[in-house]
Protein backbone atom coordinates (compact mmCIF):
# COMPACT_ATOMS: atom_id res chain seq x y z
CA MET A 1 -2.51 -6.31 7.84
CA ALA A 2 -5.40 -5.24 10.05
CA THR A 3 -7.48 -6.45 12.98
CA ALA A 4 -10.99 -7.47 11.96
CA ALA A 5 -14.11 -6.84 14.03
CA ALA A 6 -14.01 -10.47 15.18
CA GLY A 7 -10.56 -9.87 16.67
CA ASN A 8 -8.60 -11.93 14.14
CA LEU A 9 -5.59 -10.51 12.32
CA VAL A 10 -6.17 -10.37 8.55
CA PHE A 11 -3.21 -9.93 6.25
CA VAL A 12 -2.34 -9.77 2.56
CA ASN A 13 -0.58 -13.00 1.66
CA THR A 14 1.30 -11.80 -1.42
CA ARG A 15 3.17 -15.01 -2.17
CA PHE A 16 -0.08 -17.03 -2.16
CA SER A 17 -2.25 -14.33 -3.86
CA CYS A 18 -4.92 -14.27 -1.14
CA LEU A 19 -6.11 -12.76 2.14
CA SER A 20 -5.30 -14.89 5.16
CA GLU A 21 -5.40 -15.15 8.91
CA LEU A 22 -2.94 -16.88 11.22
CA ASP A 23 -3.40 -20.58 11.91
CA THR A 24 -1.61 -22.51 14.65
CA VAL A 25 -1.48 -25.70 12.59
CA ASP A 26 -0.94 -24.65 8.96
CA SER A 27 0.70 -21.25 9.52
CA PHE A 28 -2.19 -19.46 7.79
CA ARG A 29 -5.77 -20.04 6.70
CA VAL A 30 -7.11 -18.66 3.43
CA LEU A 31 -10.00 -16.20 3.92
CA TRP A 32 -10.46 -15.01 0.33
CA LYS A 33 -8.75 -15.03 -3.04
CA PRO A 34 -9.36 -12.80 -6.09
CA PRO A 35 -11.83 -14.17 -8.65
CA PHE A 36 -9.11 -14.32 -11.33
CA ILE A 37 -6.84 -16.57 -9.23
CA SER A 38 -7.61 -20.23 -9.96
CA GLU A 39 -5.44 -21.80 -7.27
CA VAL A 40 -3.80 -20.70 -4.01
CA ALA A 41 -0.12 -21.51 -4.52
CA PRO A 42 3.22 -19.92 -3.43
CA GLU A 43 3.81 -18.37 -6.86
CA PHE A 44 3.46 -14.56 -6.61
CA ARG A 45 0.90 -14.67 -9.42
CA CYS A 46 -0.81 -11.24 -9.35
CA HIS A 47 1.26 -9.51 -6.64
CA LEU A 48 -1.64 -8.80 -4.31
CA ASN A 49 -0.20 -6.00 -2.15
CA GLY A 50 -2.72 -3.82 -0.32
CA MET A 51 -5.95 -4.03 1.68
CA CYS A 52 -8.32 -1.68 3.43
CA MET A 53 -11.01 -2.43 5.98
CA ASP A 54 -14.59 -1.16 6.23
CA ASP A 55 -16.81 -1.87 9.23
CA GLY A 56 -14.22 -4.27 10.57
CA LYS A 57 -14.02 -6.43 7.43
CA PRO A 58 -11.77 -6.43 4.35
CA ARG A 59 -13.35 -4.24 1.66
CA PHE A 60 -10.86 -3.51 -1.13
CA VAL A 61 -7.53 -4.95 -2.22
CA THR A 62 -5.00 -3.84 -4.83
CA ALA A 63 -2.94 -6.04 -7.15
CA ILE A 64 -0.28 -5.27 -9.76
CA SER A 65 -2.07 -7.44 -12.33
CA THR A 66 -4.67 -10.17 -12.86
CA ALA A 67 -2.06 -12.74 -13.87
CA ASP A 68 -2.83 -16.34 -12.93
CA VAL A 69 0.58 -17.90 -13.61
CA PRO A 70 3.76 -17.97 -11.48
CA ASP A 71 5.38 -14.51 -11.31
CA GLY A 72 2.94 -13.38 -13.99
CA TRP A 73 2.79 -9.81 -12.69
CA ARG A 74 6.42 -9.19 -13.69
CA GLY A 75 5.66 -9.24 -17.41
CA GLU A 76 3.71 -5.99 -17.65
CA ARG A 77 3.43 -3.50 -14.81
CA ALA A 78 2.60 -0.13 -16.33
CA GLU A 79 -1.21 -0.29 -16.63
CA THR A 80 -2.24 -3.76 -15.49
CA GLY A 81 -3.11 -2.93 -11.87
CA VAL A 82 -6.58 -3.51 -10.43
CA LEU A 83 -8.76 -2.65 -7.46
CA VAL A 84 -10.91 -5.56 -6.29
CA ASP A 85 -14.04 -5.28 -4.16
CA VAL A 86 -13.79 -8.16 -1.68
CA ARG A 87 -17.49 -8.05 -0.79
CA ALA A 88 -18.61 -8.13 -4.41
CA ASP A 89 -15.78 -10.50 -5.37
CA ALA A 90 -15.18 -8.42 -8.49
CA VAL A 91 -12.67 -6.09 -10.13
CA VAL A 92 -14.09 -2.56 -9.90
CA MET A 93 -11.15 -0.60 -11.33
CA ASP A 94 -8.50 -1.57 -13.86
CA ALA A 95 -5.73 0.03 -15.93
CA LEU A 96 -4.03 1.22 -12.73
CA SER A 97 -0.26 1.57 -12.63
CA MET A 98 1.12 -0.50 -9.74
CA PRO A 99 -1.54 0.46 -7.14
CA HIS A 100 -0.70 0.21 -3.44
CA SER A 101 -2.10 0.97 0.01
CA PRO A 102 -5.87 1.50 -0.48
CA ARG A 103 -7.51 3.41 2.38
CA ILE A 104 -11.09 4.53 3.09
CA GLN A 105 -11.73 7.81 4.89
CA ASN A 106 -14.46 10.46 4.86
CA GLY A 107 -16.52 8.59 2.28
CA SER A 108 -13.71 8.35 -0.27
CA LEU A 109 -11.15 5.76 -1.29
CA TRP A 110 -7.51 6.78 -1.50
CA ILE A 111 -4.92 4.80 -3.46
CA LEU A 112 -1.23 5.22 -4.24
CA GLU A 113 -0.80 4.75 -7.99
CA SER A 114 2.89 4.05 -7.64
CA GLY A 115 3.74 3.51 -11.30
CA ARG A 116 2.66 7.08 -12.04
CA GLY A 117 3.76 8.62 -8.75
CA TYR A 118 0.31 9.92 -7.80
CA LEU A 119 -1.94 9.79 -4.77
CA ILE A 120 -5.41 9.40 -6.25
CA LYS A 121 -8.90 9.87 -4.82
CA VAL A 122 -11.65 7.48 -5.91
CA ASP A 123 -15.41 8.04 -5.72
CA LEU A 124 -16.91 5.01 -3.96
CA LYS A 125 -20.11 5.17 -6.01
CA THR A 126 -18.80 5.73 -9.53
CA PHE A 127 -15.15 4.63 -9.05
CA ARG A 128 -14.00 7.67 -10.96
CA ARG A 129 -10.42 8.58 -10.10
CA GLU A 130 -8.90 11.98 -9.47
CA ASP A 131 -5.20 12.81 -9.23
CA VAL A 132 -4.45 14.60 -5.95
CA VAL A 133 -0.69 15.17 -5.92
CA PHE A 134 2.48 13.93 -7.62
CA SER A 135 5.43 12.76 -5.50
CA PRO A 136 9.04 12.21 -6.70
CA GLY A 137 9.40 8.46 -6.20
CA PHE A 138 7.71 5.08 -5.86
CA LEU A 139 4.76 5.47 -3.50
CA ARG A 140 4.09 2.72 -0.96
CA GLY A 141 2.63 2.87 2.55
CA MET A 142 0.01 5.39 3.66
CA SER A 143 -1.84 6.46 6.80
CA LEU A 144 -4.70 8.98 6.91
CA VAL A 145 -5.46 11.39 9.74
CA ARG A 146 -8.08 14.13 9.44
CA ASN A 147 -7.46 15.74 6.02
CA TYR A 148 -3.85 14.58 5.75
CA ALA A 149 -2.28 11.58 4.03
CA VAL A 150 1.13 10.48 5.31
CA VAL A 151 2.78 8.74 2.36
CA GLY A 152 5.99 6.73 1.99
CA ILE A 153 8.27 7.38 -1.01
CA SER A 154 11.05 5.11 -2.28
CA LYS A 155 13.89 5.52 -4.76
CA GLY A 156 13.29 2.25 -6.54
CA ARG A 157 15.41 -0.85 -7.05
CA GLU A 158 18.04 -1.94 -9.56
CA THR A 159 15.79 -1.58 -12.59
CA GLY A 160 14.57 1.80 -11.33
CA PHE A 161 11.37 2.93 -12.99
CA ASP A 162 11.85 1.22 -16.36
CA GLY A 163 8.66 1.40 -18.36
CA LEU A 164 6.79 3.39 -15.69
CA ALA A 165 5.33 6.87 -16.11
CA VAL A 166 6.80 8.07 -12.79
CA GLY A 167 10.32 7.71 -14.23
CA GLN A 168 9.40 9.66 -17.34
CA SER A 169 7.81 12.42 -15.24
CA LEU A 170 10.87 12.75 -13.02
CA GLU A 171 13.15 12.94 -16.04
CA ALA A 172 10.94 15.59 -17.65
CA ILE A 173 11.12 17.89 -14.62
CA GLY A 174 14.75 17.13 -13.86
CA LEU A 175 14.29 15.50 -10.46
CA GLU A 176 16.01 12.51 -8.93
CA PRO A 177 13.79 9.97 -7.12
CA GLN A 178 13.68 10.48 -3.36
CA CYS A 179 13.19 8.33 -0.29
CA GLY A 180 11.20 9.73 2.61
CA VAL A 181 7.76 10.59 3.88
CA GLN A 182 5.41 13.29 2.59
CA ILE A 183 2.41 14.76 4.39
CA VAL A 184 -0.24 15.64 1.83
CA ASP A 185 -3.08 18.07 2.50
CA THR A 186 -5.80 16.13 0.70
CA GLU A 187 -8.24 19.06 0.72
CA ARG A 188 -5.88 21.44 -1.06
CA GLY A 189 -3.99 18.81 -3.05
CA VAL A 190 -0.55 20.01 -1.95
CA VAL A 191 2.41 18.61 -0.01
CA ALA A 192 2.29 20.30 3.39
CA GLU A 193 5.51 18.83 4.88
CA TRP A 194 8.11 16.22 4.02
CA ILE A 195 11.05 14.28 5.41
CA THR A 196 13.85 13.07 3.11
CA PHE A 197 16.04 10.13 4.13
CA GLU A 198 19.66 10.14 2.96
CA GLY A 199 22.44 7.56 2.97
CA GLY A 200 21.67 3.88 2.60
CA ILE A 201 17.91 4.12 3.06
CA ARG A 202 16.23 3.61 -0.32
CA GLU A 203 12.81 2.12 0.35
CA ILE A 204 9.76 2.65 2.57
CA PHE A 205 7.39 -0.31 2.77
CA ALA A 206 4.73 0.86 5.23
CA VAL A 207 3.66 3.98 7.12
CA GLU A 208 1.73 3.70 10.37
CA LEU A 209 0.78 6.49 12.77
CA ILE A 210 0.88 5.89 16.53
CA PRO A 211 -1.56 8.33 18.22
CA ARG A 212 -0.41 10.30 21.26
CA VAL A 213 3.09 8.80 21.20
CA ARG A 214 6.35 10.70 21.03
CA TYR A 215 9.79 9.09 20.59
CA PRO A 216 8.65 5.48 20.08
CA LYS A 217 11.27 2.74 20.41
CA VAL A 218 11.66 -0.32 18.19
CA PHE A 219 13.21 -3.57 19.42
CA ASP A 220 13.89 -6.92 17.85
CA PHE A 221 11.33 -9.36 19.32
CA ARG A 222 14.22 -11.51 20.56
CA SER A 223 15.79 -8.63 22.46
CA PRO A 224 15.65 -8.62 26.30
CA GLY A 225 14.88 -4.92 26.03
CA ARG A 226 11.60 -5.42 24.23
CA ILE A 227 9.64 -4.80 27.44
CA GLU A 228 10.82 -1.19 27.25
CA LEU A 229 8.20 -0.65 24.55
CA ALA A 230 5.85 0.03 27.45
CA SER A 231 7.91 3.09 28.34
CA MET A 232 7.02 5.09 25.23
CA HIS A 233 6.62 8.76 26.05
CA GLN A 234 3.11 10.11 25.78
CA ALA A 235 2.67 13.39 23.88
């Protein structure tokens, strides 16, 4: 989700395969749907999952597939992913492997190609892709700051990485999938730092950076202590 220039909150509505904004009467209002989706329905058709903004408006979205039937994305995942240009209302990249978390920075587009385990860089004029770095897990969630990409990595679910190249790559190099966060130097194409989570934590869904904040606190919105969020320590 992101705040648009007009001040409204725009979010990826995965279940309904569209971009939406909040609505006080109908819960949400449809702002845009991919050109290959014939009807907005609660059917998880293409698994729309990521969005990036440009000049305060949605610019690109990622989807696991172009399926237009209920749960259609589950059939084939390996190379059915697409990048859609919202402004042009057109698919501009295909044959991606479970793409997530598109981001624009410094004139380039960055995407997590989760099915292969790679952070990729995309030329905004030609849409040619370039592998930047491989990470040992399912990539999802990314924030960019200066020349660094902070990327979330997950271990995967019950079916693991069945049919996905990332699983084959991990097996080939003898690594187990990890859960954590990696900081990638995008200029040098290397992992600069990383944090690995152990125990029951298996998945990371989003990564957001909070500037000039140290030791942030998280509270349930129903908690009386939620007002303490204002007491975050400044770095």
